[in-house]
Amino acid sequence: MKGLLGRKLGMTQVFTIEGNLIPVTVVEVKPNVVLQKKTKEIDGYEAIQLGYEDVKEQRSNKPAIGHAKKANTAPKHYIREIVADEMMNLEAGAEVKADLFKAGDKVDVQGTSKGHGYTGTIKRYNAHRGPETHGGSKNVRHIGSLATTGRNNGRIEKNTPMPGHYGSVTTTNQNLTIVKVDTEEGYLLIKGNVPGPKRGLVMIKTTVKPVKEVKAPELISYEGTSVEEELEKVSETINAELAEEQAEKDAAEAAKKAAASAARKGK
């Protein structure tokens, strides 16, 4: 397993040369610095401690400054540990960039979900509203019966859906595909959505699922060519697919006519 830290910037879309649209999340990946290497001999387990985004020394404290100096770097705003057996060859002070991954890799992305504050059961658990017609019960958005399962002692069952704080929890979206890696600009394009708001911190790790890699889609690139040329390539690909489908239909129709003709001759 391997991993790094980044910031979610938002979502956009890219196109493959076949003309397929892929919704992607843009994750900014600045260089991660290895602050510490945990080993079984010293710490009892193996892990890599990564630091992300510099903090001014006057806004940090002496322990954080001293810890960062061991890796010859500035204090970091975010410090996370990753149990990454594929990264144990790195030493303190090494930089981890976006090229740690490649297009086609399957990853799990962990982040803090959007916070919605204190909400009712309708928003928190998708509950139904009460009746509103003819005066109703005046209990439109209230939680309603707590269903004490026949008891009369007022005991509320555990895990009963009730109003409360919604969101702002650590969550992970699994088995996502990396569509593009750009080390120079420092970003990843990940297919689908990832947890958290814009500018939220995310941790990208190799997926725990069995399939770790798939074939990367070939995206349209506008570097060194005009948009018209790229659109022409897409049009050629689509026309070729349509021609193939039409040829299959014609072949099936011809076979059907030949079978009908043979049946008539047999009679």
C-alpha atoms as a PDB file:
ATOM      1  CA  MET A   1       0.000   0.000   0.000  1.00  0.00           C
ATOM      2  CA  LYS A   2       1.039   3.586  -0.650  1.00  0.00           C
ATOM      3  CA  GLY A   3      -0.541   6.966  -0.131  1.00  0.00           C
ATOM      4  CA  LEU A   4      -0.266  10.732   0.075  1.00  0.00           C
ATOM      5  CA  LEU A   5      -2.152  13.857   1.141  1.00  0.00           C
ATOM      6  CA  GLY A   6      -3.857  16.453  -1.033  1.00  0.00           C
ATOM      7  CA  ARG A   7      -6.641  19.013  -1.202  1.00  0.00           C
ATOM      8  CA  LYS A   8      -9.931  18.588  -3.029  1.00  0.00           C
ATOM      9  CA  LEU A   9     -10.381  21.513  -5.454  1.00  0.00           C
ATOM     10  CA  GLY A  10     -13.698  20.614  -7.059  1.00  0.00           C
ATOM     11  CA  MET A  11     -15.171  18.630  -9.938  1.00  0.00           C
ATOM     12  CA  THR A  12     -14.972  18.891 -13.717  1.00  0.00           C
ATOM     13  CA  GLN A  13     -15.198  16.571 -16.705  1.00  0.00           C
ATOM     14  CA  VAL A  14     -12.845  15.140 -19.311  1.00  0.00           C
ATOM     15  CA  PHE A  15     -13.424  13.267 -22.565  1.00  0.00           C
ATOM     16  CA  THR A  16     -11.859  10.116 -23.957  1.00  0.00           C
ATOM     17  CA  ILE A  17     -10.870   9.755 -27.597  1.00  0.00           C
ATOM     18  CA  GLU A  18     -13.988   7.573 -28.044  1.00  0.00           C
ATOM     19  CA  GLY A  19     -16.115  10.570 -27.050  1.00  0.00           C
ATOM     20  CA  ASN A  20     -17.092   9.312 -23.586  1.00  0.00           C
ATOM     21  CA  LEU A  21     -17.511  11.868 -20.796  1.00  0.00           C
ATOM     22  CA  ILE A  22     -15.855  11.109 -17.438  1.00  0.00           C
ATOM     23  CA  PRO A  23     -16.769  13.160 -14.350  1.00  0.00           C
ATOM     24  CA  VAL A  24     -13.626  13.698 -12.277  1.00  0.00           C
ATOM     25  CA  THR A  25     -12.568  15.324  -9.015  1.00  0.00           C
ATOM     26  CA  VAL A  26      -9.467  17.523  -9.138  1.00  0.00           C
ATOM     27  CA  VAL A  27      -7.142  16.916  -6.178  1.00  0.00           C
ATOM     28  CA  GLU A  28      -4.235  19.295  -5.647  1.00  0.00           C
ATOM     29  CA  VAL A  29      -1.110  17.415  -4.569  1.00  0.00           C
ATOM     30  CA  LYS A  30       1.757  19.540  -3.298  1.00  0.00           C
ATOM     31  CA  PRO A  31       4.962  17.697  -2.283  1.00  0.00           C
ATOM     32  CA  ASN A  32       4.450  15.592   0.847  1.00  0.00           C
ATOM     33  CA  VAL A  33       7.475  15.401   3.138  1.00  0.00           C
ATOM     34  CA  VAL A  34       8.368  12.270   5.108  1.00  0.00           C
ATOM     35  CA  LEU A  35       8.702  13.550   8.691  1.00  0.00           C
ATOM     36  CA  GLN A  36       9.328  10.216  10.361  1.00  0.00           C
ATOM     37  CA  LYS A  37       9.740   6.550   9.543  1.00  0.00           C
ATOM     38  CA  LYS A  38       8.160   4.230  12.124  1.00  0.00           C
ATOM     39  CA  THR A  39       9.781   0.785  12.475  1.00  0.00           C
ATOM     40  CA  LYS A  40       8.927  -2.375  14.403  1.00  0.00           C
ATOM     41  CA  GLU A  41      12.209  -2.266  16.318  1.00  0.00           C
ATOM     42  CA  ILE A  42      11.605   1.218  17.738  1.00  0.00           C
ATOM     43  CA  ASP A  43       7.865   1.870  17.507  1.00  0.00           C
ATOM     44  CA  GLY A  44       6.403  -1.633  17.321  1.00  0.00           C
ATOM     45  CA  TYR A  45       4.867  -1.131  13.867  1.00  0.00           C
ATOM     46  CA  GLU A  46       5.790   0.103  10.407  1.00  0.00           C
ATOM     47  CA  ALA A  47       4.383   3.341   8.997  1.00  0.00           C
ATOM     48  CA  ILE A  48       5.348   6.535   7.216  1.00  0.00           C
ATOM     49  CA  GLN A  49       4.523   9.913   8.759  1.00  0.00           C
ATOM     50  CA  LEU A  50       3.770  12.532   6.096  1.00  0.00           C
ATOM     51  CA  GLY A  51       3.602  16.299   6.504  1.00  0.00           C
ATOM     52  CA  TYR A  52       1.613  18.564   4.188  1.00  0.00           C
ATOM     53  CA  GLU A  53       1.664  22.365   3.740  1.00  0.00           C
ATOM     54  CA  ASP A  54       4.234  24.532   5.519  1.00  0.00           C
ATOM     55  CA  VAL A  55       3.445  26.600   8.598  1.00  0.00           C
ATOM     56  CA  LYS A  56       5.393  29.688   9.674  1.00  0.00           C
ATOM     57  CA  GLU A  57       7.570  29.022  12.707  1.00  0.00           C
ATOM     58  CA  GLN A  58       5.978  31.884  14.665  1.00  0.00           C
ATOM     59  CA  ARG A  59       2.629  30.128  14.210  1.00  0.00           C
ATOM     60  CA  SER A  60       3.961  26.774  15.344  1.00  0.00           C
ATOM     61  CA  ASN A  61       5.426  25.511  18.647  1.00  0.00           C
ATOM     62  CA  LYS A  62       8.837  24.238  19.698  1.00  0.00           C
ATOM     63  CA  PRO A  63       8.008  20.500  19.644  1.00  0.00           C
ATOM     64  CA  ALA A  64       6.619  20.752  16.086  1.00  0.00           C
ATOM     65  CA  ILE A  65       9.590  22.844  14.933  1.00  0.00           C
ATOM     66  CA  GLY A  66      12.079  20.386  16.444  1.00  0.00           C
ATOM     67  CA  HIS A  67      10.271  17.401  14.945  1.00  0.00           C
ATOM     68  CA  ALA A  68      10.306  19.000  11.478  1.00  0.00           C
ATOM     69  CA  LYS A  69      13.995  19.934  11.733  1.00  0.00           C
ATOM     70  CA  LYS A  70      14.904  16.258  12.042  1.00  0.00           C
ATOM     71  CA  ALA A  71      13.626  15.940   8.470  1.00  0.00           C
ATOM     72  CA  ASN A  72      15.244  19.259   7.389  1.00  0.00           C
ATOM     73  CA  THR A  73      11.916  20.863   6.605  1.00  0.00           C
ATOM     74  CA  ALA A  74       9.528  23.498   7.925  1.00  0.00           C
ATOM     75  CA  PRO A  75       6.709  22.717  10.402  1.00  0.00           C
ATOM     76  CA  LYS A  76       3.658  21.239   8.701  1.00  0.00           C
ATOM     77  CA  HIS A  77      -0.002  22.110   8.986  1.00  0.00           C
ATOM     78  CA  TYR A  78      -1.188  18.521   8.515  1.00  0.00           C
ATOM     79  CA  ILE A  79       0.602  15.410   9.785  1.00  0.00           C
ATOM     80  CA  ARG A  80      -0.775  11.957   9.006  1.00  0.00           C
ATOM     81  CA  GLU A  81       0.535   8.398   9.250  1.00  0.00           C
ATOM     82  CA  ILE A  82       0.095   5.841   6.484  1.00  0.00           C
ATOM     83  CA  VAL A  83       0.755   2.136   6.908  1.00  0.00           C
ATOM     84  CA  ALA A  84       2.475   1.895   3.548  1.00  0.00           C
ATOM     85  CA  ASP A  85       4.689  -1.123   2.950  1.00  0.00           C
ATOM     86  CA  GLU A  86       5.563   0.137  -0.536  1.00  0.00           C
ATOM     87  CA  MET A  87       7.003   3.366   0.910  1.00  0.00           C
ATOM     88  CA  MET A  88       9.237   1.935   3.621  1.00  0.00           C
ATOM     89  CA  ASN A  89      12.277   2.560   1.444  1.00  0.00           C
ATOM     90  CA  LEU A  90      11.822   6.321   1.968  1.00  0.00           C
ATOM     91  CA  GLU A  91      13.788   8.133   4.656  1.00  0.00           C
ATOM     92  CA  ALA A  92      12.962  11.251   6.681  1.00  0.00           C
ATOM     93  CA  GLY A  93      13.148  14.357   4.500  1.00  0.00           C
ATOM     94  CA  ALA A  94      12.143  12.596   1.266  1.00  0.00           C
ATOM     95  CA  GLU A  95       9.454  14.210  -0.881  1.00  0.00           C
ATOM     96  CA  VAL A  96       6.408  12.344  -2.157  1.00  0.00           C
ATOM     97  CA  LYS A  97       4.738  13.844  -5.224  1.00  0.00           C
ATOM     98  CA  ALA A  98       1.748  13.111  -7.429  1.00  0.00           C
ATOM     99  CA  ASP A  99       3.751  10.647  -9.553  1.00  0.00           C
ATOM    100  CA  LEU A 100       3.525   8.174  -6.668  1.00  0.00           C
ATOM    101  CA  PHE A 101       0.394   7.032  -8.522  1.00  0.00           C
ATOM    102  CA  LYS A 102      -0.277   6.592 -12.221  1.00  0.00           C
ATOM    103  CA  ALA A 103      -3.344   6.672 -14.431  1.00  0.00           C
ATOM    104  CA  GLY A 104      -5.365   3.498 -14.020  1.00  0.00           C
ATOM    105  CA  ASP A 105      -4.539   2.933 -10.338  1.00  0.00           C
ATOM    106  CA  LYS A 106      -7.429   2.079  -8.028  1.00  0.00           C
ATOM    107  CA  VAL A 107      -7.491   4.138  -4.833  1.00  0.00           C
ATOM    108  CA  ASP A 108      -9.498   4.761  -1.671  1.00  0.00           C
ATOM    109  CA  VAL A 109      -9.951   8.453  -0.797  1.00  0.00           C
ATOM    110  CA  GLN A 110     -10.529   9.434   2.822  1.00  0.00           C
ATOM    111  CA  GLY A 111     -11.747  12.844   3.968  1.00  0.00           C
ATOM    112  CA  THR A 112     -14.104  14.687   6.283  1.00  0.00           C
ATOM    113  CA  SER A 113     -17.620  14.928   4.914  1.00  0.00           C
ATOM    114  CA  LYS A 114     -19.435  18.257   4.604  1.00  0.00           C
ATOM    115  CA  GLY A 115     -20.938  19.502   7.853  1.00  0.00           C
ATOM    116  CA  HIS A 116     -24.660  20.359   7.856  1.00  0.00           C
ATOM    117  CA  GLY A 117     -25.000  21.397  11.482  1.00  0.00           C
ATOM    118  CA  TYR A 118     -27.952  20.365  13.660  1.00  0.00           C
ATOM    119  CA  THR A 119     -30.678  18.966  11.404  1.00  0.00           C
ATOM    120  CA  GLY A 120     -33.950  17.118  11.747  1.00  0.00           C
ATOM    121  CA  THR A 121     -34.762  13.577  10.705  1.00  0.00           C
ATOM    122  CA  ILE A 122     -36.061  14.648   7.295  1.00  0.00           C
ATOM    123  CA  LYS A 123     -32.660  15.887   6.169  1.00  0.00           C
ATOM    124  CA  ARG A 124     -30.566  13.586   8.347  1.00  0.00           C
ATOM    125  CA  TYR A 125     -32.339  10.286   7.645  1.00  0.00           C
ATOM    126  CA  ASN A 126     -34.611  11.072   4.673  1.00  0.00           C
ATOM    127  CA  ALA A 127     -37.748  10.703   6.818  1.00  0.00           C
ATOM    128  CA  HIS A 128     -41.244  11.492   5.538  1.00  0.00           C
ATOM    129  CA  ARG A 129     -43.218  14.582   6.455  1.00  0.00           C
ATOM    130  CA  GLY A 130     -46.533  14.467   8.262  1.00  0.00           C
ATOM    131  CA  PRO A 131     -49.923  15.254   6.662  1.00  0.00           C
ATOM    132  CA  GLU A 132     -50.471  18.887   5.661  1.00  0.00           C
ATOM    133  CA  THR A 133     -53.995  18.883   4.156  1.00  0.00           C
ATOM    134  CA  HIS A 134     -57.263  19.861   5.936  1.00  0.00           C
ATOM    135  CA  GLY A 135     -55.426  21.240   8.920  1.00  0.00           C
ATOM    136  CA  GLY A 136     -53.473  18.056   9.359  1.00  0.00           C
ATOM    137  CA  SER A 137     -51.992  17.036  12.655  1.00  0.00           C
ATOM    138  CA  LYS A 138     -49.771  20.128  12.879  1.00  0.00           C
ATOM    139  CA  ASN A 139     -46.947  17.614  13.108  1.00  0.00           C
ATOM    140  CA  VAL A 140     -45.382  18.179   9.697  1.00  0.00           C
ATOM    141  CA  ARG A 141     -41.657  18.007  10.312  1.00  0.00           C
ATOM    142  CA  HIS A 142     -41.628  16.611  13.835  1.00  0.00           C
ATOM    143  CA  ILE A 143     -39.913  13.304  14.535  1.00  0.00           C
ATOM    144  CA  GLY A 144     -43.238  11.589  15.240  1.00  0.00           C
ATOM    145  CA  SER A 145     -43.677   8.402  17.251  1.00  0.00           C
ATOM    146  CA  LEU A 146     -40.526   6.950  18.784  1.00  0.00           C
ATOM    147  CA  ALA A 147     -42.033   3.434  18.623  1.00  0.00           C
ATOM    148  CA  THR A 148     -41.186   2.088  22.064  1.00  0.00           C
ATOM    149  CA  THR A 149     -42.078  -1.452  20.900  1.00  0.00           C
ATOM    150  CA  GLY A 150     -45.001  -1.906  23.297  1.00  0.00           C
ATOM    151  CA  ARG A 151     -43.224  -0.721  26.436  1.00  0.00           C
ATOM    152  CA  ASN A 152     -44.840   1.875  28.659  1.00  0.00           C
ATOM    153  CA  ASN A 153     -41.746   2.865  30.602  1.00  0.00           C
ATOM    154  CA  GLY A 154     -40.642   5.539  28.118  1.00  0.00           C
ATOM    155  CA  ARG A 155     -37.462   3.706  27.152  1.00  0.00           C
ATOM    156  CA  ILE A 156     -35.999   4.792  23.791  1.00  0.00           C
ATOM    157  CA  GLU A 157     -34.288   2.103  21.749  1.00  0.00           C
ATOM    158  CA  LYS A 158     -30.657   2.598  20.765  1.00  0.00           C
ATOM    159  CA  ASN A 159     -29.959   3.876  17.224  1.00  0.00           C
ATOM    160  CA  THR A 160     -33.421   5.415  16.943  1.00  0.00           C
ATOM    161  CA  PRO A 161     -33.332   8.039  14.138  1.00  0.00           C
ATOM    162  CA  MET A 162     -33.544  11.409  15.860  1.00  0.00           C
ATOM    163  CA  PRO A 163     -32.452  15.006  15.156  1.00  0.00           C
ATOM    164  CA  GLY A 164     -28.794  15.764  15.752  1.00  0.00           C
ATOM    165  CA  HIS A 165     -25.476  16.791  14.253  1.00  0.00           C
ATOM    166  CA  TYR A 166     -25.281  15.776  10.600  1.00  0.00           C
ATOM    167  CA  GLY A 167     -22.074  15.354   8.603  1.00  0.00           C
ATOM    168  CA  SER A 168     -18.521  16.405   9.471  1.00  0.00           C
ATOM    169  CA  VAL A 169     -17.351  12.818   9.979  1.00  0.00           C
ATOM    170  CA  THR A 170     -14.426  10.882   8.551  1.00  0.00           C
ATOM    171  CA  THR A 171     -15.571   8.888   5.542  1.00  0.00           C
ATOM    172  CA  THR A 172     -13.930   6.951   2.722  1.00  0.00           C
ATOM    173  CA  ASN A 173     -14.940   6.476  -0.910  1.00  0.00           C
ATOM    174  CA  GLN A 174     -13.483   3.193  -2.103  1.00  0.00           C
ATOM    175  CA  ASN A 175     -12.380   1.742  -5.419  1.00  0.00           C
ATOM    176  CA  LEU A 176     -12.020   4.988  -7.374  1.00  0.00           C
ATOM    177  CA  THR A 177      -9.928   5.191 -10.548  1.00  0.00           C
ATOM    178  CA  ILE A 178      -7.177   7.715 -11.205  1.00  0.00           C
ATOM    179  CA  VAL A 179      -7.752   9.112 -14.681  1.00  0.00           C
ATOM    180  CA  LYS A 180      -4.772  11.462 -15.002  1.00  0.00           C
ATOM    181  CA  VAL A 181      -1.614  12.395 -13.082  1.00  0.00           C
ATOM    182  CA  ASP A 182       0.167  15.723 -13.639  1.00  0.00           C
ATOM    183  CA  THR A 183       3.312  16.048 -11.527  1.00  0.00           C
ATOM    184  CA  GLU A 184       4.398  19.393 -12.979  1.00  0.00           C
ATOM    185  CA  GLU A 185       1.113  21.132 -12.159  1.00  0.00           C
ATOM    186  CA  GLY A 186       0.676  19.006  -9.044  1.00  0.00           C
ATOM    187  CA  TYR A 187      -2.772  17.461  -9.359  1.00  0.00           C
ATOM    188  CA  LEU A 188      -4.659  14.197  -9.796  1.00  0.00           C
ATOM    189  CA  LEU A 189      -7.907  13.601 -11.674  1.00  0.00           C
ATOM    190  CA  ILE A 190      -9.955  10.945  -9.876  1.00  0.00           C
ATOM    191  CA  LYS A 191     -13.087   9.490 -11.470  1.00  0.00           C
ATOM    192  CA  GLY A 192     -16.198  10.206  -9.442  1.00  0.00           C
ATOM    193  CA  ASN A 193     -16.637  12.177  -6.238  1.00  0.00           C
ATOM    194  CA  VAL A 194     -14.501  12.220  -3.098  1.00  0.00           C
ATOM    195  CA  PRO A 195     -15.509  13.185   0.452  1.00  0.00           C
ATOM    196  CA  GLY A 196     -15.412  16.696   1.826  1.00  0.00           C
ATOM    197  CA  PRO A 197     -15.923  20.308   0.757  1.00  0.00           C
ATOM    198  CA  LYS A 198     -13.763  22.292  -1.644  1.00  0.00           C
ATOM    199  CA  ARG A 199     -10.254  22.881  -0.271  1.00  0.00           C
ATOM    200  CA  GLY A 200     -10.797  19.990   2.164  1.00  0.00           C
ATOM    201  CA  LEU A 201      -7.884  17.719   3.063  1.00  0.00           C
ATOM    202  CA  VAL A 202      -8.027  14.196   1.615  1.00  0.00           C
ATOM    203  CA  MET A 203      -5.839  11.135   1.959  1.00  0.00           C
ATOM    204  CA  ILE A 204      -5.356   9.012  -1.167  1.00  0.00           C
ATOM    205  CA  LYS A 205      -4.319   5.405  -0.587  1.00  0.00           C
ATOM    206  CA  THR A 206      -4.084   2.220  -2.613  1.00  0.00           C
ATOM    207  CA  THR A 207      -7.463   0.517  -2.518  1.00  0.00           C
ATOM    208  CA  VAL A 208      -8.063  -2.407  -0.188  1.00  0.00           C
ATOM    209  CA  LYS A 209     -10.094  -4.098  -2.940  1.00  0.00           C
ATOM    210  CA  PRO A 210      -8.531  -7.030  -4.831  1.00  0.00           C
ATOM    211  CA  VAL A 211      -8.136  -5.192  -8.166  1.00  0.00           C
ATOM    212  CA  LYS A 212      -5.402  -2.588  -7.752  1.00  0.00           C
ATOM    213  CA  GLU A 213      -5.109  -1.395 -11.352  1.00  0.00           C
ATOM    214  CA  VAL A 214      -7.166  -1.143 -14.533  1.00  0.00           C
ATOM    215  CA  LYS A 215      -6.479   0.056 -18.063  1.00  0.00           C
ATOM    216  CA  ALA A 216      -6.281   3.849 -18.088  1.00  0.00           C
ATOM    217  CA  PRO A 217      -8.637   5.633 -20.503  1.00  0.00           C
ATOM    218  CA  GLU A 218      -6.986   7.649 -23.268  1.00  0.00           C
ATOM    219  CA  LEU A 219      -8.049  11.257 -22.893  1.00  0.00           C
ATOM    220  CA  ILE A 220      -8.317  13.972 -25.511  1.00  0.00           C
ATOM    221  CA  SER A 221      -5.264  16.209 -25.338  1.00  0.00           C
ATOM    222  CA  TYR A 222      -5.265  19.707 -26.786  1.00  0.00           C
ATOM    223  CA  GLU A 223      -1.510  20.215 -26.458  1.00  0.00           C
ATOM    224  CA  GLY A 224       0.228  20.929 -29.749  1.00  0.00           C
ATOM    225  CA  THR A 225      -2.906  20.597 -31.858  1.00  0.00           C
ATOM    226  CA  SER A 226      -6.113  22.408 -32.601  1.00  0.00           C
ATOM    227  CA  VAL A 227      -9.530  21.617 -31.212  1.00  0.00           C
ATOM    228  CA  GLU A 228     -10.777  20.936 -34.740  1.00  0.00           C
ATOM    229  CA  GLU A 229      -8.197  18.176 -35.210  1.00  0.00           C
ATOM    230  CA  GLU A 230      -9.164  16.513 -31.951  1.00  0.00           C
ATOM    231  CA  LEU A 231     -12.865  16.721 -32.795  1.00  0.00           C
ATOM    232  CA  GLU A 232     -12.116  15.241 -36.205  1.00  0.00           C
ATOM    233  CA  LYS A 233     -10.373  12.281 -34.536  1.00  0.00           C
ATOM    234  CA  VAL A 234     -13.372  11.741 -32.289  1.00  0.00           C
ATOM    235  CA  SER A 235     -15.703  11.960 -35.291  1.00  0.00           C
ATOM    236  CA  GLU A 236     -13.628   9.392 -37.185  1.00  0.00           C
ATOM    237  CA  THR A 237     -13.761   6.997 -34.246  1.00  0.00           C
ATOM    238  CA  ILE A 238     -17.530   7.379 -33.886  1.00  0.00           C
ATOM    239  CA  ASN A 239     -18.076   6.970 -37.633  1.00  0.00           C
ATOM    240  CA  ALA A 240     -15.994   3.792 -37.604  1.00  0.00           C
ATOM    241  CA  GLU A 241     -18.084   2.371 -34.755  1.00  0.00           C
ATOM    242  CA  LEU A 242     -21.319   3.279 -36.555  1.00  0.00           C
ATOM    243  CA  ALA A 243     -20.065   1.677 -39.769  1.00  0.00           C
ATOM    244  CA  GLU A 244     -19.210  -1.513 -37.872  1.00  0.00           C
ATOM    245  CA  GLU A 245     -22.650  -1.629 -36.272  1.00  0.00           C
ATOM    246  CA  GLN A 246     -24.318  -1.090 -39.672  1.00  0.00           C
ATOM    247  CA  ALA A 247     -22.219  -3.872 -41.218  1.00  0.00           C
ATOM    248  CA  GLU A 248     -23.325  -6.250 -38.461  1.00  0.00           C
ATOM    249  CA  LYS A 249     -26.964  -5.295 -39.041  1.00  0.00           C
ATOM    250  CA  ASP A 250     -26.608  -5.800 -42.803  1.00  0.00           C
ATOM    251  CA  ALA A 251     -24.985  -9.193 -42.267  1.00  0.00           C
ATOM    252  CA  ALA A 252     -27.774 -10.274 -39.906  1.00  0.00           C
ATOM    253  CA  GLU A 253     -30.435  -9.087 -42.385  1.00  0.00           C
ATOM    254  CA  ALA A 254     -28.749 -10.939 -45.241  1.00  0.00           C
ATOM    255  CA  ALA A 255     -28.581 -14.132 -43.166  1.00  0.00           C
ATOM    256  CA  LYS A 256     -32.265 -13.772 -42.283  1.00  0.00           C
ATOM    257  CA  LYS A 257     -33.227 -13.350 -45.970  1.00  0.00           C
ATOM    258  CA  ALA A 258     -31.093 -16.352 -46.956  1.00  0.00           C
ATOM    259  CA  ALA A 259     -32.756 -18.514 -44.309  1.00  0.00           C
ATOM    260  CA  ALA A 260     -36.217 -17.392 -45.474  1.00  0.00           C
ATOM    261  CA  SER A 261     -35.328 -18.157 -49.090  1.00  0.00           C
ATOM    262  CA  ALA A 262     -34.027 -21.598 -48.175  1.00  0.00           C
ATOM    263  CA  ALA A 263     -37.225 -22.304 -46.243  1.00  0.00           C
ATOM    264  CA  ARG A 264     -39.381 -21.379 -49.266  1.00  0.00           C
ATOM    265  CA  LYS A 265     -37.327 -23.602 -51.577  1.00  0.00           C
ATOM    266  CA  GLY A 266     -37.673 -26.472 -49.110  1.00  0.00           C
ATOM    267  CA  LYS A 267     -41.451 -26.234 -49.326  1.00  0.00           C
END
